């Protein structure tokens, strides 16, 4: 079965809307473990719009049985944070201050040296490193050249497809590039924009080992609770 990493950023988004101390995203880690999820994903942004430094430190203390995946930009500040906290995995992502959410994959072609330096820094201290990238062969091959352990295929174009034909084309692109990544020896993950309605076709791509899903699960949890929302998503992944 494809494993599930749950992004808890939007619990922090609710908290930061009032600049108070609740709801606490760290408590979500206990609930998603109880529900059967396999990992916790958080994005520490430079502008600290949701996850805060305090959260990252506490997540590292309480997430001991699940994988802690830290999404971050390739900046000196973030690299210093990662090598200090030592998450189980770092996913390097692009970041723009004005964007509402991550808009696309990391440009590892034009910014290869910057990404290479970040990968080297993380791997030197033993942190598994993943690159959040668009599903194109030349980008997959570049990820391998840069020494990444894993790739997370950006599923945003698939999720945003306006009709069945477009969605099928995007799904085929994901399938082909997941196969290429696996053939190159990369761990293949996927995520972005996945929902209860569109996740199943991606979850059955054999080479995709893990899906990272956040907004849809937290949205569902508003109505049914976090534990049930995760169990419902896991049921879809199990087919």
Protein backbone atom coordinates (compact mmCIF):
# COMPACT_ATOMS: atom_id res chain seq x y z
CA UNK A 1 0.00 0.00 0.00
CA UNK A 2 1.12 3.56 -0.69
CA UNK A 3 1.98 5.21 2.62
CA UNK A 4 0.52 8.53 3.78
CA UNK A 5 2.33 11.59 5.05
CA UNK A 6 -0.04 14.15 6.53
CA UNK A 7 0.80 17.83 6.17
CA UNK A 8 -0.27 19.67 9.33
CA UNK A 9 0.50 23.22 8.17
CA UNK A 10 -3.14 24.25 8.02
CA UNK A 11 -3.78 23.50 11.66
CA UNK A 12 -1.15 26.16 12.28
CA UNK A 13 -2.84 28.38 9.67
CA UNK A 14 -6.00 28.39 11.79
CA UNK A 15 -3.98 29.22 14.90
CA UNK A 16 -2.08 32.04 13.23
CA UNK A 17 -5.32 33.61 11.99
CA UNK A 18 -5.88 34.71 15.58
CA UNK A 19 -2.24 34.74 16.72
CA UNK A 20 -3.18 32.58 19.68
CA UNK A 21 -2.07 29.19 20.99
CA UNK A 22 -4.79 26.97 19.57
CA UNK A 23 -5.28 24.72 17.74
CA UNK A 24 -1.80 23.33 18.33
CA UNK A 25 -0.48 21.51 15.24
CA UNK A 26 1.87 19.46 17.38
CA UNK A 27 -1.09 17.71 19.01
CA UNK A 28 -2.11 16.63 15.54
CA UNK A 29 0.93 14.35 15.42
CA UNK A 30 -0.53 12.13 18.15
CA UNK A 31 -3.88 11.91 16.39
CA UNK A 32 -2.51 11.03 12.97
CA UNK A 33 -0.32 8.33 14.52
CA UNK A 34 -3.39 6.86 16.24
CA UNK A 35 -5.25 6.98 12.92
CA UNK A 36 -2.55 4.97 11.16
CA UNK A 37 -0.73 7.59 9.09
CA UNK A 38 2.93 6.98 8.32
CA UNK A 39 4.48 10.43 8.50
CA UNK A 40 4.16 14.07 9.50
CA UNK A 41 4.97 16.78 6.98
CA UNK A 42 5.43 20.44 7.89
CA UNK A 43 6.64 23.41 5.84
CA UNK A 44 8.68 25.97 7.76
CA UNK A 45 8.34 29.01 5.52
CA UNK A 46 10.67 31.98 5.65
CA UNK A 47 7.76 34.29 6.50
CA UNK A 48 6.52 31.89 9.23
CA UNK A 49 2.94 32.20 7.98
CA UNK A 50 1.87 28.99 9.69
CA UNK A 51 4.46 26.62 11.21
CA UNK A 52 6.72 28.39 13.73
CA UNK A 53 10.20 27.56 15.04
CA UNK A 54 8.64 26.43 18.31
CA UNK A 55 6.48 23.92 16.40
CA UNK A 56 9.46 22.44 14.59
CA UNK A 57 11.37 21.87 17.84
CA UNK A 58 8.34 20.25 19.50
CA UNK A 59 7.54 18.08 16.48
CA UNK A 60 11.06 16.70 16.60
CA UNK A 61 10.56 15.76 20.26
CA UNK A 62 7.17 14.09 19.89
CA UNK A 63 7.41 12.50 16.43
CA UNK A 64 9.41 9.38 17.23
CA UNK A 65 7.46 6.56 15.56
CA UNK A 66 6.45 8.36 12.37
CA UNK A 67 8.67 9.97 9.77
CA UNK A 68 9.13 13.71 10.24
CA UNK A 69 9.41 15.39 6.84
CA UNK A 70 10.45 19.05 6.81
CA UNK A 71 9.64 21.03 3.69
CA UNK A 72 11.85 24.07 3.28
CA UNK A 73 13.56 26.45 0.88
CA UNK A 74 17.24 26.13 -0.04
CA UNK A 75 18.38 29.03 2.16
CA UNK A 76 21.23 29.16 4.66
CA UNK A 77 18.75 29.85 7.47
CA UNK A 78 16.69 26.77 6.67
CA UNK A 79 19.72 24.54 6.20
CA UNK A 80 20.99 25.60 9.62
CA UNK A 81 17.60 24.82 11.15
CA UNK A 82 17.47 21.40 9.51
CA UNK A 83 20.97 20.34 10.52
CA UNK A 84 20.19 21.43 14.09
CA UNK A 85 16.77 19.75 14.39
CA UNK A 86 17.61 16.68 12.28
CA UNK A 87 14.25 15.70 10.76
CA UNK A 88 14.06 12.25 9.21
CA UNK A 89 13.66 13.77 5.76
CA UNK A 90 13.99 17.20 4.21
CA UNK A 91 12.03 18.05 1.07
CA UNK A 92 13.50 21.02 -0.75
CA UNK A 93 10.76 23.16 -2.28
CA UNK A 94 10.49 26.48 -4.12
CA UNK A 95 9.14 29.38 -2.13
CA UNK A 96 7.70 32.76 -3.09
CA UNK A 97 6.53 35.24 -0.47
CA UNK A 98 3.44 36.27 -2.46
CA UNK A 99 2.15 32.77 -3.27
CA UNK A 100 -0.79 31.28 -1.41
CA UNK A 101 0.67 27.79 -1.65
CA UNK A 102 3.56 26.21 -3.53
CA UNK A 103 2.92 26.90 -7.20
CA UNK A 104 5.18 24.37 -8.89
CA UNK A 105 8.24 22.20 -8.63
CA UNK A 106 11.73 23.33 -7.67
CA UNK A 107 13.76 24.63 -10.63
CA UNK A 108 16.72 22.30 -10.33
CA UNK A 109 17.87 22.95 -13.89
CA UNK A 110 18.59 26.68 -13.63
CA UNK A 111 19.45 26.59 -9.94
CA UNK A 112 21.34 23.32 -9.92
CA UNK A 113 24.36 24.54 -7.97
CA UNK A 114 22.24 26.00 -5.17
CA UNK A 115 20.27 22.77 -4.90
CA UNK A 116 23.45 20.70 -5.10
CA UNK A 117 24.97 22.63 -2.19
CA UNK A 118 21.84 22.12 -0.11
CA UNK A 119 21.70 18.39 -0.89
CA UNK A 120 25.37 18.02 0.03
CA UNK A 121 24.88 19.86 3.33
CA UNK A 122 21.93 17.70 4.33
CA UNK A 123 23.41 14.39 3.26
CA UNK A 124 26.65 15.17 5.07
CA UNK A 125 24.78 14.97 8.39
CA UNK A 126 22.71 11.96 7.32
CA UNK A 127 19.37 13.57 6.46
CA UNK A 128 17.46 11.88 3.65
CA UNK A 129 16.85 14.51 0.99
CA UNK A 130 13.92 14.76 -1.39
CA UNK A 131 13.31 17.29 -4.18
CA UNK A 132 9.79 18.54 -4.95
CA UNK A 133 9.82 18.64 -8.73
CA UNK A 134 7.60 18.74 -11.79
CA UNK A 135 7.16 15.40 -13.59
CA UNK A 136 9.43 15.76 -16.62
CA UNK A 137 12.22 13.35 -17.66
CA UNK A 138 14.99 15.97 -17.82
CA UNK A 139 14.14 17.14 -14.30
CA UNK A 140 14.04 13.58 -12.96
CA UNK A 141 17.49 12.89 -14.42
CA UNK A 142 18.83 16.14 -12.99
CA UNK A 143 17.56 15.15 -9.53
CA UNK A 144 19.58 11.96 -9.79
CA UNK A 145 22.69 13.89 -10.87
CA UNK A 146 22.34 16.23 -7.90
CA UNK A 147 22.44 13.28 -5.51
CA UNK A 148 18.89 13.39 -4.15
CA UNK A 149 17.68 10.30 -2.30
CA UNK A 150 14.07 10.87 -3.31
CA UNK A 151 11.79 12.95 -5.48
CA UNK A 152 8.28 14.16 -4.74
CA UNK A 153 6.38 14.55 -7.99
CA UNK A 154 4.25 17.67 -8.13
CA UNK A 155 0.68 16.52 -8.77
CA UNK A 156 -0.76 20.03 -9.08
CA UNK A 157 -1.35 19.88 -12.84
CA UNK A 158 -3.15 16.56 -12.46
CA UNK A 159 -5.27 17.95 -9.63
CA UNK A 160 -6.13 21.10 -11.59
CA UNK A 161 -7.11 19.31 -14.83
CA UNK A 162 -10.42 20.68 -16.10
CA UNK A 163 -11.66 17.60 -17.93
CA UNK A 164 -11.20 13.84 -18.09
CA UNK A 165 -8.90 13.93 -21.13
CA UNK A 166 -6.54 16.45 -19.53
CA UNK A 167 -6.55 14.56 -16.25
CA UNK A 168 -5.73 11.31 -18.04
CA UNK A 169 -2.81 12.97 -19.82
CA UNK A 170 -1.44 14.34 -16.56
CA UNK A 171 -1.86 10.97 -14.87
CA UNK A 172 0.08 9.30 -17.69
CA UNK A 173 2.84 11.86 -17.23
CA UNK A 174 3.00 11.04 -13.53
CA UNK A 175 3.09 7.31 -14.24
CA UNK A 176 5.87 7.56 -16.81
CA UNK A 177 8.06 9.80 -14.68
CA UNK A 178 7.48 7.76 -11.55
CA UNK A 179 8.74 4.76 -13.49
CA UNK A 180 11.78 6.69 -14.67
CA UNK A 181 12.56 7.86 -11.15
CA UNK A 182 12.37 4.33 -9.79
CA UNK A 183 14.55 3.01 -12.62
CA UNK A 184 17.19 5.61 -11.69
CA UNK A 185 17.16 4.38 -8.10
CA UNK A 186 15.22 7.28 -6.60
CA UNK A 187 12.54 6.91 -3.95
CA UNK A 188 9.38 8.28 -5.56
CA UNK A 189 6.76 10.24 -3.64
CA UNK A 190 3.98 12.53 -4.86
CA UNK A 191 1.75 15.29 -3.63
CA UNK A 192 0.00 18.64 -4.04
CA UNK A 193 -3.69 19.24 -4.61
CA UNK A 194 -4.67 15.63 -3.96
CA UNK A 195 -8.17 15.13 -2.56
CA UNK A 196 -10.54 12.33 -1.60
CA UNK A 197 -11.98 12.58 -5.11
CA UNK A 198 -8.77 12.38 -7.17
CA UNK A 199 -6.26 10.48 -5.05
CA UNK A 200 -7.01 6.88 -6.03
CA UNK A 201 -5.52 6.90 -9.57
CA UNK A 202 -2.26 8.31 -8.19
CA UNK A 203 -2.17 5.94 -5.24
CA UNK A 204 -2.16 2.89 -7.54
CA UNK A 205 0.97 3.98 -9.43
CA UNK A 206 3.23 1.16 -8.31
CA UNK A 207 6.43 3.22 -8.13
CA UNK A 208 4.91 5.92 -5.89
CA UNK A 209 5.76 4.87 -2.36
CA UNK A 210 4.20 7.76 -0.44
CA UNK A 211 1.67 10.53 -0.89
CA UNK A 212 1.83 13.78 1.06
CA UNK A 213 -1.62 15.29 1.60
CA UNK A 214 -2.60 18.21 3.79
CA UNK A 215 -5.30 20.69 2.82
CA UNK A 216 -7.93 18.15 1.83
CA UNK A 217 -7.48 16.12 5.02
CA UNK A 218 -7.59 19.16 7.31
CA UNK A 219 -10.64 20.46 5.43
CA UNK A 220 -12.40 17.12 5.92
CA UNK A 221 -11.37 17.08 9.58
CA UNK A 222 -13.29 20.32 10.20
CA UNK A 223 -16.46 18.29 9.73
CA UNK A 224 -15.62 14.78 10.89
CA UNK A 225 -12.50 15.11 13.06
CA UNK A 226 -8.85 14.49 12.22
CA UNK A 227 -8.69 10.80 13.10
CA UNK A 228 -11.69 9.87 10.95
CA UNK A 229 -10.47 12.07 8.09
CA UNK A 230 -7.15 10.22 8.02
CA UNK A 231 -8.75 6.79 8.30
CA UNK A 232 -10.99 7.64 5.33
CA UNK A 233 -7.98 8.71 3.26
CA UNK A 234 -6.05 5.55 4.20
CA UNK A 235 -9.03 3.46 3.13
CA UNK A 236 -8.80 5.02 -0.32
CA UNK A 237 -5.07 4.27 -0.51
CA UNK A 238 -5.72 0.66 0.42
CA UNK A 239 -8.26 0.41 -2.40
